[in-house]
């Protein structure tokens, strides 16, 4: 039975439009991308794979919600998580490098954070999200990593969606993260 084509997305229009750009621009640049997601739970991967033609640029998406998944699947050293926590620049950095190594992609983005409503602390309140972007051939010391405070006034869904949107922005070939 043939189904009618639909342009509807399960995600907000702005996220879908950004994902279309990620697919189009990375395909034009000949880049393969990979994701390593914790608090977003696969939203970045879902946004990319919702776009027709995404298989040209996307082969691997790692959802590593638990610390054990980060260590077992991505090879994040347990000492990093023990010393700095799952929501840290060091852990996101290791997640991005692990995704790059395991996938063979040209670029990998990692996301880890506190989406709430529980789990926050004084040091890492709800809305704290850490991002990392690693590129093939890049010196590991040059991997971009950043902590963002998305705000504890947002709902869990809004924090996760905002985090996914920023991760997509990082995957644009023309995006230059500031050090």
Protein backbone atom coordinates (compact mmCIF):
# COMPACT_ATOMS: atom_id res chain seq x y z
CA UNK A 1 0.00 0.00 0.00
CA UNK A 2 1.47 3.36 -1.04
CA UNK A 3 1.50 6.14 1.48
CA UNK A 4 1.19 9.80 0.71
CA UNK A 5 4.38 11.78 1.18
CA UNK A 6 4.37 14.06 4.18
CA UNK A 7 6.61 16.99 4.96
CA UNK A 8 5.54 16.94 8.59
CA UNK A 9 8.16 16.52 11.26
CA UNK A 10 7.94 15.22 14.77
CA UNK A 11 10.23 18.09 15.77
CA UNK A 12 9.68 21.85 15.78
CA UNK A 13 10.11 23.58 12.42
CA UNK A 14 13.27 25.43 13.50
CA UNK A 15 14.99 22.17 14.51
CA UNK A 16 13.95 20.44 11.28
CA UNK A 17 15.20 23.37 9.21
CA UNK A 18 18.53 23.28 11.03
CA UNK A 19 18.79 19.51 10.53
CA UNK A 20 18.15 20.01 6.80
CA UNK A 21 21.06 22.47 6.72
CA UNK A 22 23.28 20.00 8.60
CA UNK A 23 22.52 17.28 6.05
CA UNK A 24 22.81 19.54 3.00
CA UNK A 25 25.95 21.38 4.05
CA UNK A 26 27.80 18.33 5.33
CA UNK A 27 26.93 16.40 2.16
CA UNK A 28 28.28 19.30 0.08
CA UNK A 29 31.46 19.30 2.18
CA UNK A 30 31.78 15.50 1.91
CA UNK A 31 31.70 15.15 5.70
CA UNK A 32 30.33 12.26 7.76
CA UNK A 33 29.01 13.16 11.20
CA UNK A 34 28.47 11.19 14.39
CA UNK A 35 26.73 11.99 17.65
CA UNK A 36 27.33 11.04 21.28
CA UNK A 37 24.28 11.97 23.32
CA UNK A 38 23.37 11.73 26.97
CA UNK A 39 20.70 14.21 28.15
CA UNK A 40 19.29 14.63 24.63
CA UNK A 41 18.66 10.89 24.42
CA UNK A 42 19.01 10.68 20.65
CA UNK A 43 17.22 13.90 19.67
CA UNK A 44 20.18 15.12 17.62
CA UNK A 45 20.32 11.81 15.76
CA UNK A 46 16.54 11.82 15.33
CA UNK A 47 16.57 15.32 13.85
CA UNK A 48 19.28 14.37 11.35
CA UNK A 49 17.74 11.05 10.33
CA UNK A 50 14.34 12.62 9.80
CA UNK A 51 15.82 14.38 6.75
CA UNK A 52 15.76 12.51 3.43
CA UNK A 53 19.32 11.89 2.27
CA UNK A 54 20.75 11.87 5.79
CA UNK A 55 22.41 8.51 5.14
CA UNK A 56 24.93 10.38 2.99
CA UNK A 57 26.35 12.05 6.09
CA UNK A 58 25.17 10.05 9.13
CA UNK A 59 26.11 6.51 10.09
CA UNK A 60 26.57 6.48 13.87
CA UNK A 61 24.60 7.91 16.77
CA UNK A 62 25.55 6.83 20.28
CA UNK A 63 23.04 7.32 23.09
CA UNK A 64 25.09 6.88 26.24
CA UNK A 65 22.77 7.98 29.01
CA UNK A 66 24.35 5.95 31.80
CA UNK A 67 27.95 6.40 32.90
CA UNK A 68 28.58 2.73 32.16
CA UNK A 69 27.48 3.30 28.56
CA UNK A 70 29.88 6.21 28.26
CA UNK A 71 32.76 4.01 29.42
CA UNK A 72 31.78 0.76 27.66
CA UNK A 73 30.58 2.13 24.32
CA UNK A 74 32.61 5.32 23.86
CA UNK A 75 35.67 4.39 25.90
CA UNK A 76 35.37 7.33 28.29
CA UNK A 77 37.85 6.69 31.09
CA UNK A 78 36.00 6.02 34.34
CA UNK A 79 38.53 8.24 36.14
CA UNK A 80 37.30 11.23 34.11
CA UNK A 81 33.70 10.65 35.19
CA UNK A 82 34.74 10.01 38.81
CA UNK A 83 36.89 13.16 38.94
CA UNK A 84 34.73 15.61 37.01
CA UNK A 85 31.26 14.05 36.75
CA UNK A 86 29.20 13.02 33.74
CA UNK A 87 28.23 16.64 33.12
CA UNK A 88 31.67 18.12 32.55
CA UNK A 89 33.86 19.46 29.79
CA UNK A 90 36.23 16.52 30.31
CA UNK A 91 33.48 13.93 29.88
CA UNK A 92 31.95 15.64 26.82
CA UNK A 93 35.45 15.93 25.34
CA UNK A 94 36.05 12.20 25.86
CA UNK A 95 32.59 11.35 24.49
CA UNK A 96 33.25 13.32 21.28
CA UNK A 97 36.66 11.72 20.80
CA UNK A 98 35.18 8.27 21.50
CA UNK A 99 32.39 8.79 18.97
CA UNK A 100 34.92 9.94 16.39
CA UNK A 101 37.16 6.92 16.98
CA UNK A 102 34.33 4.36 17.04
CA UNK A 103 32.53 5.74 13.98
CA UNK A 104 35.29 6.84 11.65
CA UNK A 105 33.28 10.02 11.01
CA UNK A 106 34.87 13.32 10.06
CA UNK A 107 33.24 15.20 12.91
CA UNK A 108 31.48 14.20 16.13
CA UNK A 109 29.39 16.21 18.55
CA UNK A 110 28.79 15.23 22.18
CA UNK A 111 26.11 16.44 24.59
CA UNK A 112 25.78 15.80 28.33
CA UNK A 113 23.71 17.76 30.79
CA UNK A 114 21.19 18.14 33.58
CA UNK A 115 17.75 18.34 31.99
CA UNK A 116 15.85 18.26 35.28
CA UNK A 117 13.58 18.68 36.97
CA UNK A 118 15.80 16.80 39.46
CA UNK A 119 19.50 16.06 39.48
CA UNK A 120 20.85 19.59 39.65
CA UNK A 121 23.35 20.85 42.22
CA UNK A 122 24.85 24.18 43.21
CA UNK A 123 27.77 23.57 40.84
CA UNK A 124 25.65 22.09 38.04
CA UNK A 125 22.09 23.38 38.28
CA UNK A 126 19.27 22.12 36.10
CA UNK A 127 19.83 23.51 32.62
CA UNK A 128 23.61 22.97 32.65
CA UNK A 129 24.61 21.33 29.38
CA UNK A 130 28.10 20.57 28.10
CA UNK A 131 28.96 20.25 24.42
CA UNK A 132 32.07 19.04 22.60
CA UNK A 133 33.00 18.94 18.93
CA UNK A 134 35.86 16.75 17.67
CA UNK A 135 37.18 16.63 14.11
CA UNK A 136 39.16 13.91 12.35
CA UNK A 137 42.88 14.61 12.41
CA UNK A 138 42.51 17.31 15.05
CA UNK A 139 44.86 17.45 18.01
CA UNK A 140 42.79 16.24 21.00
CA UNK A 141 43.86 19.37 22.88
CA UNK A 142 42.09 21.45 20.23
CA UNK A 143 38.70 19.73 20.61
CA UNK A 144 36.09 22.39 21.26
CA UNK A 145 34.15 21.99 24.51
CA UNK A 146 31.76 24.40 26.17
CA UNK A 147 29.43 24.58 29.16
CA UNK A 148 26.11 26.34 28.57
CA UNK A 149 23.56 27.35 31.17
CA UNK A 150 20.28 26.94 29.32
CA UNK A 151 18.33 28.02 32.38
CA UNK A 152 16.48 26.26 35.16
CA UNK A 153 13.31 28.11 34.18
CA UNK A 154 12.90 25.83 31.16
CA UNK A 155 11.09 22.50 31.25
CA UNK A 156 12.97 19.23 30.78
CA UNK A 157 11.67 19.04 27.20
CA UNK A 158 12.76 22.61 26.45
CA UNK A 159 16.25 22.02 27.84
CA UNK A 160 16.67 18.84 25.80
CA UNK A 161 15.37 20.50 22.64
CA UNK A 162 17.58 23.59 23.11
CA UNK A 163 20.58 21.33 23.66
CA UNK A 164 19.82 19.33 20.52
CA UNK A 165 19.45 22.52 18.51
CA UNK A 166 22.84 23.84 19.65
CA UNK A 167 24.48 20.48 18.91
CA UNK A 168 23.07 20.68 15.37
CA UNK A 169 24.51 24.19 15.01
CA UNK A 170 27.92 22.83 16.01
CA UNK A 171 27.68 20.26 13.20
CA UNK A 172 27.34 22.92 10.50
CA UNK A 173 30.60 23.06 8.51
CA UNK A 174 30.44 26.85 8.56
CA UNK A 175 30.03 27.04 12.35
CA UNK A 176 33.19 28.19 14.06
CA UNK A 177 32.97 27.63 17.80
CA UNK A 178 34.80 30.23 19.80
CA UNK A 179 37.60 28.80 21.97
